Amino acid sequence: MLYRLSCIILQGMDQRQFIFKKKLFNKAQCKRLIDEYEDRKAEKEGEHCYHAITGVDTESTFNLVHLRYGSETFQLVHEAMKEMISEWMDYLKKLDCVSVNIFADEVNYAHIYRLMCYENGGKLHPHIDGHDFVTASCTIQLNNHFNGGQFKFFNGKHTESLLEGECLIFPAGCFWIHQVTPVTKGKRYSVNTFLCSVPNEKMEKLTRIKNWVKEKEIEPHYFDGDWARKYGSAKINNHYIQTLTEDEFKTLNIKEIK
């Protein structure tokens, strides 16, 4: 229903038109990144996030390694991201229905560049990337030779096929649920990053300030609505939200986050 409604609001435009895809890396560049993952897989770690439909904190079954800041592979991905973002902005401008001059200022920072490997059974459940200060997401496919591992949007209603070296970029937020289906044969390698409106190192402090303000200041305008009780708003189910204590707020140096 939400997907159909979004198309109506956009006067016939399909939400999928905001997704942009292009070939970004050649075979040698893809192999270089895959080799780095394999060389460093002893450092691999997992990930968990909330399931977009159930709201349950769910473990993903892929592994990831962070690219080291300033390394040659970091610079390779970073330069490619600048090219990709620039072309996406040009593409969105041509659609003539997006405030590109505002949106362009919201994708000035990459979060973390992550090498990801989905082995047999590896998957990523339906989720969103639209957390605090995250405005878009980008993934680069590094290989072809695997089965399964499809990139899907809108709780499985749309599939984007990606080939080796192709990059996919799209907005973040509650309307952009996406997932990777289980790999059934081989390994699926990719690079992922979030695009953000503030630097990564400032996000945690800014998020804690925002949550503190929500707890302390919004009572006169807060919607204590039936939908909040039914679907579980952060205000009601706030046990997982980390906020500033009174003492932390009093001692906070605001200049540190500018």
Protein backbone atom coordinates (compact mmCIF):
# COMPACT_ATOMS: atom_id res chain seq x y z
CA MET A 1 0.00 0.00 0.00
CA LEU A 2 2.77 2.46 0.88
CA TYR A 3 4.62 1.62 -2.31
CA ARG A 4 1.50 2.20 -4.44
CA LEU A 5 0.74 5.40 -2.55
CA SER A 6 4.24 6.77 -3.17
CA CYS A 7 3.75 6.31 -6.90
CA ILE A 8 0.47 8.22 -6.78
CA ILE A 9 2.01 11.08 -4.82
CA LEU A 10 4.77 11.32 -7.40
CA GLN A 11 2.11 11.66 -10.11
CA GLY A 12 2.88 8.41 -11.87
CA MET A 13 6.62 8.26 -11.18
CA ASP A 14 7.88 4.92 -9.97
CA GLN A 15 9.83 4.99 -6.70
CA ARG A 16 12.40 2.73 -8.32
CA GLN A 17 13.47 5.61 -10.58
CA PHE A 18 15.42 7.09 -7.66
CA ILE A 19 17.75 4.07 -7.73
CA PHE A 20 20.89 4.67 -9.79
CA LYS A 21 23.22 1.96 -11.10
CA LYS A 22 26.41 2.00 -13.16
CA LYS A 23 29.59 0.03 -13.83
CA LEU A 24 32.23 1.38 -11.46
CA PHE A 25 35.08 -1.16 -11.10
CA ASN A 26 36.87 -3.38 -13.61
CA LYS A 27 37.71 -7.04 -12.99
CA ALA A 28 41.20 -6.30 -11.65
CA GLN A 29 39.88 -3.74 -9.15
CA CYS A 30 37.19 -6.16 -7.96
CA LYS A 31 39.78 -8.93 -7.53
CA ARG A 32 41.99 -6.58 -5.52
CA LEU A 33 39.20 -5.92 -3.05
CA ILE A 34 38.21 -9.59 -2.84
CA ASP A 35 41.85 -10.52 -2.19
CA GLU A 36 42.00 -8.01 0.65
CA TYR A 37 38.98 -9.58 2.28
CA GLU A 38 40.49 -13.05 2.00
CA ASP A 39 43.87 -11.84 3.30
CA ARG A 40 42.22 -10.19 6.31
CA LYS A 41 39.30 -12.52 6.98
CA ALA A 42 40.73 -13.40 10.38
CA GLU A 43 39.53 -9.88 11.33
CA LYS A 44 35.99 -10.51 10.08
CA GLU A 45 33.00 -9.58 12.19
CA GLY A 46 29.25 -9.92 11.98
CA GLU A 47 26.43 -7.42 12.20
CA HIS A 48 22.94 -7.10 13.59
CA CYS A 49 20.15 -4.58 13.07
CA TYR A 50 16.40 -4.31 13.42
CA HIS A 51 14.23 -6.29 11.02
CA ALA A 52 12.24 -3.69 9.08
CA ILE A 53 8.94 -5.57 9.32
CA THR A 54 9.04 -7.33 12.70
CA GLY A 55 11.14 -4.78 14.59
CA VAL A 56 13.21 -7.60 16.12
CA ASP A 57 16.96 -7.04 16.50
CA THR A 58 18.28 -9.67 14.07
CA GLU A 59 21.72 -11.09 13.34
CA SER A 60 22.81 -11.07 9.71
CA THR A 61 24.77 -14.05 8.41
CA PHE A 62 27.40 -12.34 6.30
CA ASN A 63 30.87 -11.29 7.48
CA LEU A 64 32.64 -7.98 6.96
CA VAL A 65 36.05 -6.33 7.17
CA HIS A 66 36.55 -2.56 7.35
CA LEU A 67 38.85 -0.97 4.80
CA ARG A 68 41.72 0.77 6.55
CA TYR A 69 41.57 4.54 6.38
CA GLY A 70 44.14 5.93 3.94
CA SER A 71 45.03 2.57 2.37
CA GLU A 72 45.18 2.15 -1.40
CA THR A 73 41.94 0.15 -1.42
CA PHE A 74 40.28 2.77 0.78
CA GLN A 75 41.27 5.47 -1.70
CA LEU A 76 40.11 3.32 -4.61
CA VAL A 77 36.62 3.01 -3.12
CA HIS A 78 36.55 6.61 -1.87
CA GLU A 79 37.33 8.09 -5.31
CA ALA A 80 34.77 5.80 -6.91
CA MET A 81 32.16 6.97 -4.40
CA LYS A 82 32.77 10.61 -5.29
CA GLU A 83 32.23 9.78 -8.95
CA MET A 84 29.10 7.77 -8.19
CA ILE A 85 27.52 10.44 -6.01
CA SER A 86 28.23 13.15 -8.58
CA GLU A 87 26.58 11.16 -11.37
CA TRP A 88 23.62 10.27 -9.15
CA MET A 89 23.03 13.96 -8.41
CA ASP A 90 23.11 14.70 -12.16
CA TYR A 91 20.66 11.86 -12.74
CA LEU A 92 18.28 13.06 -10.00
CA LYS A 93 18.44 16.58 -11.39
CA LYS A 94 17.19 15.31 -14.75
CA LEU A 95 14.19 13.67 -13.07
CA ASP A 96 13.06 17.21 -12.20
CA CYS A 97 11.24 16.18 -9.02
CA VAL A 98 13.99 16.17 -6.37
CA SER A 99 15.44 19.10 -4.43
CA VAL A 100 18.97 18.19 -5.46
CA ASN A 101 20.50 21.43 -4.17
CA ILE A 102 19.42 20.41 -0.64
CA PHE A 103 19.93 16.65 -0.96
CA ALA A 104 23.47 17.07 -2.33
CA ASP A 105 24.51 18.64 0.97
CA GLU A 106 23.19 15.60 2.87
CA VAL A 107 25.54 13.04 1.24
CA ASN A 108 28.91 14.67 1.87
CA TYR A 109 30.33 12.02 4.20
CA ALA A 110 30.88 8.29 3.87
CA HIS A 111 30.23 6.21 6.96
CA ILE A 112 32.65 3.24 6.84
CA TYR A 113 33.81 1.31 3.76
CA ARG A 114 33.11 -2.35 4.41
CA LEU A 115 34.16 -5.45 2.49
CA MET A 116 31.35 -7.97 2.82
CA CYS A 117 31.30 -11.71 2.12
CA TYR A 118 28.19 -13.88 1.98
CA GLU A 119 29.10 -17.56 2.05
CA ASN A 120 26.66 -20.45 1.61
CA GLY A 121 23.53 -19.49 3.55
CA GLY A 122 24.71 -15.92 4.07
CA LYS A 123 21.95 -13.33 3.86
CA LEU A 124 20.83 -9.90 5.01
CA HIS A 125 17.29 -9.63 6.36
CA PRO A 126 14.88 -6.82 5.32
CA HIS A 127 16.08 -3.62 6.99
CA ILE A 128 16.57 0.10 6.42
CA ASP A 129 19.68 2.27 6.50
CA GLY A 130 17.87 5.48 7.39
CA HIS A 131 19.25 5.93 10.87
CA ASP A 132 20.30 9.27 12.33
CA PHE A 133 22.18 11.36 9.75
CA VAL A 134 22.23 8.53 7.15
CA THR A 135 20.60 9.75 3.95
CA ALA A 136 21.61 7.22 1.29
CA SER A 137 23.28 3.86 0.83
CA CYS A 138 25.64 2.41 -1.75
CA THR A 139 26.77 -1.12 -2.60
CA ILE A 140 29.28 -2.39 -5.17
CA GLN A 141 29.10 -5.97 -6.45
CA LEU A 142 32.57 -7.56 -6.72
CA ASN A 143 31.87 -10.93 -8.38
CA ASN A 144 29.41 -12.92 -10.47
CA HIS A 145 30.03 -16.58 -9.71
CA PHE A 146 27.48 -17.46 -7.04
CA ASN A 147 23.83 -18.50 -6.83
CA GLY A 148 21.20 -16.70 -4.80
CA GLY A 149 22.31 -13.52 -3.08
CA GLN A 150 19.81 -11.28 -4.87
CA PHE A 151 19.50 -7.63 -3.85
CA LYS A 152 15.83 -6.87 -3.24
CA PHE A 153 13.81 -3.79 -2.29
CA PHE A 154 10.41 -3.21 -0.66
CA ASN A 155 10.33 -6.45 1.34
CA GLY A 156 11.13 -8.57 -1.70
CA LYS A 157 8.81 -6.89 -4.19
CA HIS A 158 11.57 -5.61 -6.49
CA THR A 159 14.90 -7.21 -7.49
CA GLU A 160 17.94 -5.30 -8.72
CA SER A 161 20.35 -7.49 -10.67
CA LEU A 162 23.99 -6.54 -10.18
CA LEU A 163 26.99 -7.71 -12.18
CA GLU A 164 30.67 -7.67 -11.25
CA GLY A 165 31.87 -4.09 -10.75
CA GLU A 166 28.39 -2.53 -10.79
CA CYS A 167 27.42 -0.02 -8.14
CA LEU A 168 23.93 0.65 -6.79
CA ILE A 169 23.03 3.83 -4.92
CA PHE A 170 19.66 4.71 -3.42
CA PRO A 171 18.02 6.87 -0.73
CA ALA A 172 17.83 5.71 2.86
CA GLY A 173 14.76 5.76 5.06
CA CYS A 174 11.66 3.88 6.10
CA PHE A 175 10.36 3.57 2.53
CA TRP A 176 13.59 1.91 1.33
CA ILE A 177 13.50 -1.55 2.87
CA HIS A 178 16.10 -3.78 1.24
CA GLN A 179 17.72 -7.16 1.75
CA VAL A 180 20.05 -9.78 0.28
CA THR A 181 18.55 -13.24 -0.18
CA PRO A 182 20.50 -16.33 0.98
CA VAL A 183 23.49 -17.38 -1.09
CA THR A 184 22.96 -21.01 -2.14
CA LYS A 185 26.26 -21.66 -3.93
CA GLY A 186 29.65 -19.95 -3.97
CA LYS A 187 30.53 -16.66 -2.28
CA ARG A 188 29.10 -13.20 -2.85
CA TYR A 189 31.50 -10.28 -2.31
CA SER A 190 30.56 -6.62 -2.14
CA VAL A 191 31.59 -3.24 -0.77
CA ASN A 192 29.09 -1.17 1.18
CA THR A 193 28.89 2.28 2.69
CA PHE A 194 26.27 4.68 4.00
CA LEU A 195 26.21 8.30 2.88
CA CYS A 196 25.72 10.76 5.70
CA SER A 197 25.08 14.41 6.47
CA VAL A 198 27.70 14.56 9.25
CA PRO A 199 31.11 12.91 9.79
CA ASN A 200 31.02 9.39 11.19
CA GLU A 201 33.06 10.29 14.28
CA LYS A 202 30.42 12.88 15.30
CA MET A 203 27.35 10.67 14.83
CA GLU A 204 27.24 8.96 18.21
CA LYS A 205 27.46 12.19 20.19
CA LEU A 206 24.91 13.96 17.98
CA THR A 207 22.52 11.03 18.25
CA ARG A 208 22.79 11.01 22.03
CA ILE A 209 22.11 14.76 22.12
CA LYS A 210 19.06 14.32 19.90
CA ASN A 211 17.69 11.55 22.09
CA TRP A 212 18.30 13.62 25.23
CA VAL A 213 16.36 16.52 23.72
CA LYS A 214 13.51 14.19 22.72
CA GLU A 215 13.28 12.89 26.27
CA LYS A 216 13.40 16.30 27.92
CA GLU A 217 11.84 18.85 25.59
CA ILE A 218 9.08 17.54 23.33
CA GLU A 219 6.28 16.77 25.79
CA PRO A 220 3.94 19.65 24.73
CA HIS A 221 3.99 18.56 21.09
CA TYR A 222 4.37 14.81 21.40
CA PHE A 223 1.74 12.68 19.64
CA ASP A 224 0.77 10.03 22.14
CA GLY A 225 -1.28 8.41 19.42
CA ASP A 226 -2.80 4.99 18.97
CA TRP A 227 -0.34 4.28 16.15
CA ALA A 228 2.57 4.80 18.56
CA ARG A 229 1.19 2.18 20.93
CA LYS A 230 0.34 -0.20 18.10
CA TYR A 231 3.63 -0.05 16.25
CA GLY A 232 6.01 0.80 19.10
CA SER A 233 7.47 4.28 18.95
CA ALA A 234 10.93 5.04 20.31
CA LYS A 235 9.32 7.29 22.91
CA ILE A 236 7.37 4.40 24.40
CA ASN A 237 9.91 1.61 23.82
CA ASN A 238 13.03 3.56 24.61
CA HIS A 239 14.97 0.92 26.55
CA TYR A 240 17.49 0.59 23.71
CA ILE A 241 18.08 4.32 23.18
CA GLN A 242 21.25 5.70 24.68
CA THR A 243 20.86 9.28 25.85
CA LEU A 244 22.97 11.81 27.70
CA THR A 245 22.75 11.99 31.43
CA GLU A 246 22.09 15.36 33.05
CA ASP A 247 25.73 15.61 34.15
CA GLU A 248 26.99 14.74 30.65
CA PHE A 249 24.81 17.41 29.09
CA LYS A 250 26.00 20.05 31.55
CA THR A 251 29.65 19.31 30.78
CA LEU A 252 29.19 18.89 27.01
CA ASN A 253 31.41 21.09 24.88
CA ILE A 254 29.14 21.97 21.95
CA LYS A 255 32.14 23.21 19.95
CA GLU A 256 33.32 19.59 19.71
CA ILE A 257 30.47 18.67 17.42
CA LYS A 258 30.61 21.59 14.99
